Amino acid sequence: MPSSKKKKTPVKGDVKGLVKTLYGEMIANDLVQLKWEDKEYKLKLTRKDAFPAYLPAVHAADSAVQKKPEMNSIKSPMNGIFYIAPSPGADPFVRVGDEITQGTTVCILEAMKLMNEVQVDRDCKILSVLVENGEAVKINQPLFEVEDM
């Protein structure tokens, strides 16, 4: 009868053994981060000493390459849920290609059950919408790519 090798799982309550086992799995599978949870524990392990193998080496010649200019955008003034329209099924506040003026409402951010209108602070043209309707956004996250007018 063939024998099957089973990995030892830590005894319930053996946090040190659990972390050791999970870290061993991270090393064996070349993982930089691992999240694990069960009824008793919720763990997130991150290796600060690990670098993904797929990162290209930087050469001195690459330093001559210019950085891409920073995108001109309308950024989120707060954390919240992004809505492009005043209600489901309604027309969006703005569309790609729209030329808008200062004070125009471009979206709503829901934060703590309050709906907050986001208004543009300059005349501009909408080049692209950078987030999906209903997506959670963070403060200063670009919402729209714009061109000043």
C-alpha atoms as a PDB file:
ATOM      1  CA  MET A   1       0.000   0.000   0.000  1.00  0.00           C
ATOM      2  CA  PRO A   2       1.570   3.324  -1.065  1.00  0.00           C
ATOM      3  CA  SER A   3       2.134   5.796   1.701  1.00  0.00           C
ATOM      4  CA  SER A   4       1.009   9.364   1.240  1.00  0.00           C
ATOM      5  CA  LYS A   5       2.978  12.141   2.832  1.00  0.00           C
ATOM      6  CA  LYS A   6       0.833  14.651   4.635  1.00  0.00           C
ATOM      7  CA  LYS A   7       2.133  18.026   5.659  1.00  0.00           C
ATOM      8  CA  LYS A   8       1.970  18.649   9.357  1.00  0.00           C
ATOM      9  CA  THR A   9      -0.489  21.368  10.252  1.00  0.00           C
ATOM     10  CA  PRO A  10       0.092  23.215  13.485  1.00  0.00           C
ATOM     11  CA  VAL A  11      -1.856  22.210  16.531  1.00  0.00           C
ATOM     12  CA  LYS A  12      -4.818  24.488  17.274  1.00  0.00           C
ATOM     13  CA  GLY A  13      -3.544  27.457  19.243  1.00  0.00           C
ATOM     14  CA  ASP A  14       0.050  27.030  17.971  1.00  0.00           C
ATOM     15  CA  VAL A  15       0.366  30.477  16.341  1.00  0.00           C
ATOM     16  CA  LYS A  16       4.145  30.314  16.108  1.00  0.00           C
ATOM     17  CA  GLY A  17       3.952  26.977  14.282  1.00  0.00           C
ATOM     18  CA  LEU A  18       1.255  28.299  11.960  1.00  0.00           C
ATOM     19  CA  VAL A  19       3.304  31.376  11.023  1.00  0.00           C
ATOM     20  CA  LYS A  20       6.384  29.191  10.531  1.00  0.00           C
ATOM     21  CA  THR A  21       4.460  26.823   8.229  1.00  0.00           C
ATOM     22  CA  LEU A  22       2.942  29.648   6.187  1.00  0.00           C
ATOM     23  CA  TYR A  23       6.284  31.424   5.878  1.00  0.00           C
ATOM     24  CA  GLY A  24       7.829  28.177   4.671  1.00  0.00           C
ATOM     25  CA  GLU A  25       5.136  27.995   1.971  1.00  0.00           C
ATOM     26  CA  MET A  26       5.904  31.592   0.975  1.00  0.00           C
ATOM     27  CA  ILE A  27       9.602  30.759   0.543  1.00  0.00           C
ATOM     28  CA  ALA A  28       8.918  27.495  -1.299  1.00  0.00           C
ATOM     29  CA  ASN A  29       6.533  29.194  -3.752  1.00  0.00           C
ATOM     30  CA  ASP A  30       8.513  32.457  -4.091  1.00  0.00           C
ATOM     31  CA  LEU A  31       5.609  34.541  -2.757  1.00  0.00           C
ATOM     32  CA  VAL A  32       6.044  38.118  -1.567  1.00  0.00           C
ATOM     33  CA  GLN A  33       2.750  38.250   0.334  1.00  0.00           C
ATOM     34  CA  LEU A  34       0.344  35.662   1.746  1.00  0.00           C
ATOM     35  CA  LYS A  35      -3.077  36.067   3.353  1.00  0.00           C
ATOM     36  CA  TRP A  36      -4.596  33.237   5.365  1.00  0.00           C
ATOM     37  CA  GLU A  37      -7.582  32.940   7.664  1.00  0.00           C
ATOM     38  CA  ASP A  38      -9.758  30.433   9.449  1.00  0.00           C
ATOM     39  CA  LYS A  39     -12.279  30.642  12.287  1.00  0.00           C
ATOM     40  CA  GLU A  40      -9.571  31.382  14.845  1.00  0.00           C
ATOM     41  CA  TYR A  41      -6.911  33.389  12.996  1.00  0.00           C
ATOM     42  CA  LYS A  42      -6.537  35.929  10.232  1.00  0.00           C
ATOM     43  CA  LEU A  43      -2.965  36.479   9.064  1.00  0.00           C
ATOM     44  CA  LYS A  44      -1.234  38.566   6.425  1.00  0.00           C
ATOM     45  CA  LEU A  45       2.462  37.892   5.924  1.00  0.00           C
ATOM     46  CA  THR A  46       4.717  40.087   3.791  1.00  0.00           C
ATOM     47  CA  ARG A  47       8.360  39.399   2.990  1.00  0.00           C
ATOM     48  CA  LYS A  48      10.298  42.653   2.947  1.00  0.00           C
ATOM     49  CA  ASP A  49      13.471  40.911   1.756  1.00  0.00           C
ATOM     50  CA  ALA A  50      11.856  39.400  -1.361  1.00  0.00           C
ATOM     51  CA  PHE A  51      11.896  40.883  -4.805  1.00  0.00           C
ATOM     52  CA  PRO A  52       9.845  39.350  -7.602  1.00  0.00           C
ATOM     53  CA  ALA A  53      12.072  37.508 -10.058  1.00  0.00           C
ATOM     54  CA  TYR A  54      10.391  39.125 -13.044  1.00  0.00           C
ATOM     55  CA  LEU A  55      11.604  42.685 -12.309  1.00  0.00           C
ATOM     56  CA  PRO A  56      14.050  43.848 -14.984  1.00  0.00           C
ATOM     57  CA  ALA A  57      17.497  45.022 -13.984  1.00  0.00           C
ATOM     58  CA  VAL A  58      18.032  48.777 -14.193  1.00  0.00           C
ATOM     59  CA  HIS A  59      21.061  49.854 -16.180  1.00  0.00           C
ATOM     60  CA  ALA A  60      22.817  53.205 -16.173  1.00  0.00           C
ATOM     61  CA  ALA A  61      21.691  53.836 -19.768  1.00  0.00           C
ATOM     62  CA  ASP A  62      18.060  53.619 -18.642  1.00  0.00           C
ATOM     63  CA  SER A  63      18.511  56.681 -16.437  1.00  0.00           C
ATOM     64  CA  ALA A  64      18.640  58.859 -19.555  1.00  0.00           C
ATOM     65  CA  VAL A  65      15.050  57.894 -20.395  1.00  0.00           C
ATOM     66  CA  GLN A  66      12.659  60.682 -19.492  1.00  0.00           C
ATOM     67  CA  LYS A  67       9.785  60.022 -17.132  1.00  0.00           C
ATOM     68  CA  LYS A  68       6.281  60.205 -18.514  1.00  0.00           C
ATOM     69  CA  PRO A  69       4.746  63.566 -17.585  1.00  0.00           C
ATOM     70  CA  GLU A  70       2.234  63.442 -14.759  1.00  0.00           C
ATOM     71  CA  MET A  71      -1.319  63.012 -15.925  1.00  0.00           C
ATOM     72  CA  ASN A  72      -3.648  65.995 -15.597  1.00  0.00           C
ATOM     73  CA  SER A  73      -6.621  64.682 -13.654  1.00  0.00           C
ATOM     74  CA  ILE A  74      -9.563  65.326 -11.383  1.00  0.00           C
ATOM     75  CA  LYS A  75      -8.742  63.573  -8.100  1.00  0.00           C
ATOM     76  CA  SER A  76     -10.985  62.239  -5.369  1.00  0.00           C
ATOM     77  CA  PRO A  77     -11.288  64.679  -2.449  1.00  0.00           C
ATOM     78  CA  MET A  78     -12.123  61.806  -0.040  1.00  0.00           C
ATOM     79  CA  ASN A  79     -12.436  58.048   0.382  1.00  0.00           C
ATOM     80  CA  GLY A  80     -15.765  56.713  -0.815  1.00  0.00           C
ATOM     81  CA  ILE A  81     -17.761  54.897  -3.475  1.00  0.00           C
ATOM     82  CA  PHE A  82     -17.644  56.485  -6.955  1.00  0.00           C
ATOM     83  CA  TYR A  83     -20.890  57.029  -8.884  1.00  0.00           C
ATOM     84  CA  ILE A  84     -20.840  58.553 -12.379  1.00  0.00           C
ATOM     85  CA  ALA A  85     -24.615  59.252 -12.404  1.00  0.00           C
ATOM     86  CA  PRO A  86     -27.091  60.744  -9.915  1.00  0.00           C
ATOM     87  CA  SER A  87     -29.058  57.463  -9.764  1.00  0.00           C
ATOM     88  CA  PRO A  88     -28.996  53.982 -11.326  1.00  0.00           C
ATOM     89  CA  GLY A  89     -30.139  54.161 -14.941  1.00  0.00           C
ATOM     90  CA  ALA A  90     -29.742  57.948 -15.150  1.00  0.00           C
ATOM     91  CA  ASP A  91     -27.437  59.661 -17.646  1.00  0.00           C
ATOM     92  CA  PRO A  92     -23.884  60.196 -16.342  1.00  0.00           C
ATOM     93  CA  PHE A  93     -22.863  63.623 -15.091  1.00  0.00           C
ATOM     94  CA  VAL A  94     -20.122  63.760 -17.758  1.00  0.00           C
ATOM     95  CA  ARG A  95     -18.956  61.673 -20.711  1.00  0.00           C
ATOM     96  CA  VAL A  96     -15.611  61.308 -22.457  1.00  0.00           C
ATOM     97  CA  GLY A  97     -15.194  64.261 -24.791  1.00  0.00           C
ATOM     98  CA  ASP A  98     -17.375  66.643 -22.756  1.00  0.00           C
ATOM     99  CA  GLU A  99     -16.006  70.156 -22.333  1.00  0.00           C
ATOM    100  CA  ILE A 100     -17.002  71.357 -18.881  1.00  0.00           C
ATOM    101  CA  THR A 101     -16.687  74.556 -16.903  1.00  0.00           C
ATOM    102  CA  GLN A 102     -15.595  75.264 -13.351  1.00  0.00           C
ATOM    103  CA  GLY A 103     -18.252  74.197 -10.841  1.00  0.00           C
ATOM    104  CA  THR A 104     -19.713  71.392 -12.993  1.00  0.00           C
ATOM    105  CA  THR A 105     -20.585  68.243 -11.017  1.00  0.00           C
ATOM    106  CA  VAL A 106     -18.639  65.306 -12.457  1.00  0.00           C
ATOM    107  CA  CYS A 107     -19.600  62.501 -10.047  1.00  0.00           C
ATOM    108  CA  ILE A 108     -20.878  61.595  -6.588  1.00  0.00           C
ATOM    109  CA  LEU A 109     -18.803  60.034  -3.824  1.00  0.00           C
ATOM    110  CA  GLU A 110     -20.724  58.147  -1.158  1.00  0.00           C
ATOM    111  CA  ALA A 111     -19.033  58.321   2.228  1.00  0.00           C
ATOM    112  CA  MET A 112     -20.658  57.259   5.494  1.00  0.00           C
ATOM    113  CA  LYS A 113     -24.082  57.065   3.806  1.00  0.00           C
ATOM    114  CA  LEU A 114     -23.773  60.668   2.577  1.00  0.00           C
ATOM    115  CA  MET A 115     -23.752  61.526  -1.119  1.00  0.00           C
ATOM    116  CA  ASN A 116     -21.087  64.166  -1.875  1.00  0.00           C
ATOM    117  CA  GLU A 117     -21.025  65.897  -5.252  1.00  0.00           C
ATOM    118  CA  VAL A 118     -17.563  66.358  -6.757  1.00  0.00           C
ATOM    119  CA  GLN A 119     -17.278  69.556  -8.756  1.00  0.00           C
ATOM    120  CA  VAL A 120     -14.476  70.469 -11.124  1.00  0.00           C
ATOM    121  CA  ASP A 121     -12.277  73.410 -10.127  1.00  0.00           C
ATOM    122  CA  ARG A 122     -11.349  74.507 -13.669  1.00  0.00           C
ATOM    123  CA  ASP A 123     -12.535  74.512 -17.270  1.00  0.00           C
ATOM    124  CA  CYS A 124     -11.457  71.263 -18.917  1.00  0.00           C
ATOM    125  CA  LYS A 125     -12.246  68.463 -21.354  1.00  0.00           C
ATOM    126  CA  ILE A 126     -12.861  64.889 -20.117  1.00  0.00           C
ATOM    127  CA  LEU A 127     -10.366  62.537 -21.825  1.00  0.00           C
ATOM    128  CA  SER A 128     -11.161  59.356 -19.902  1.00  0.00           C
ATOM    129  CA  VAL A 129     -12.922  57.978 -16.827  1.00  0.00           C
ATOM    130  CA  LEU A 130     -10.331  56.139 -14.732  1.00  0.00           C
ATOM    131  CA  VAL A 131     -12.602  54.248 -12.303  1.00  0.00           C
ATOM    132  CA  GLU A 132     -15.664  52.042 -12.646  1.00  0.00           C
ATOM    133  CA  ASN A 133     -19.108  53.028 -11.410  1.00  0.00           C
ATOM    134  CA  GLY A 134     -19.592  51.666  -7.877  1.00  0.00           C
ATOM    135  CA  GLU A 135     -15.839  51.288  -7.271  1.00  0.00           C
ATOM    136  CA  ALA A 136     -14.292  52.224  -3.928  1.00  0.00           C
ATOM    137  CA  VAL A 137     -11.808  55.089  -4.298  1.00  0.00           C
ATOM    138  CA  LYS A 138      -9.216  56.611  -2.006  1.00  0.00           C
ATOM    139  CA  ILE A 139      -8.421  60.228  -1.303  1.00  0.00           C
ATOM    140  CA  ASN A 140      -6.306  61.824  -4.094  1.00  0.00           C
ATOM    141  CA  GLN A 141      -6.982  58.895  -6.455  1.00  0.00           C
ATOM    142  CA  PRO A 142      -7.384  60.152 -10.048  1.00  0.00           C
ATOM    143  CA  LEU A 143     -11.012  59.800 -11.183  1.00  0.00           C
ATOM    144  CA  PHE A 144     -10.893  61.474 -14.603  1.00  0.00           C
ATOM    145  CA  GLU A 145      -8.092  62.274 -17.011  1.00  0.00           C
ATOM    146  CA  VAL A 146      -8.648  65.793 -18.313  1.00  0.00           C
ATOM    147  CA  GLU A 147      -7.161  68.414 -20.595  1.00  0.00           C
ATOM    148  CA  ASP A 148      -7.259  71.990 -19.320  1.00  0.00           C
ATOM    149  CA  MET A 149      -8.924  74.543 -21.564  1.00  0.00           C
END
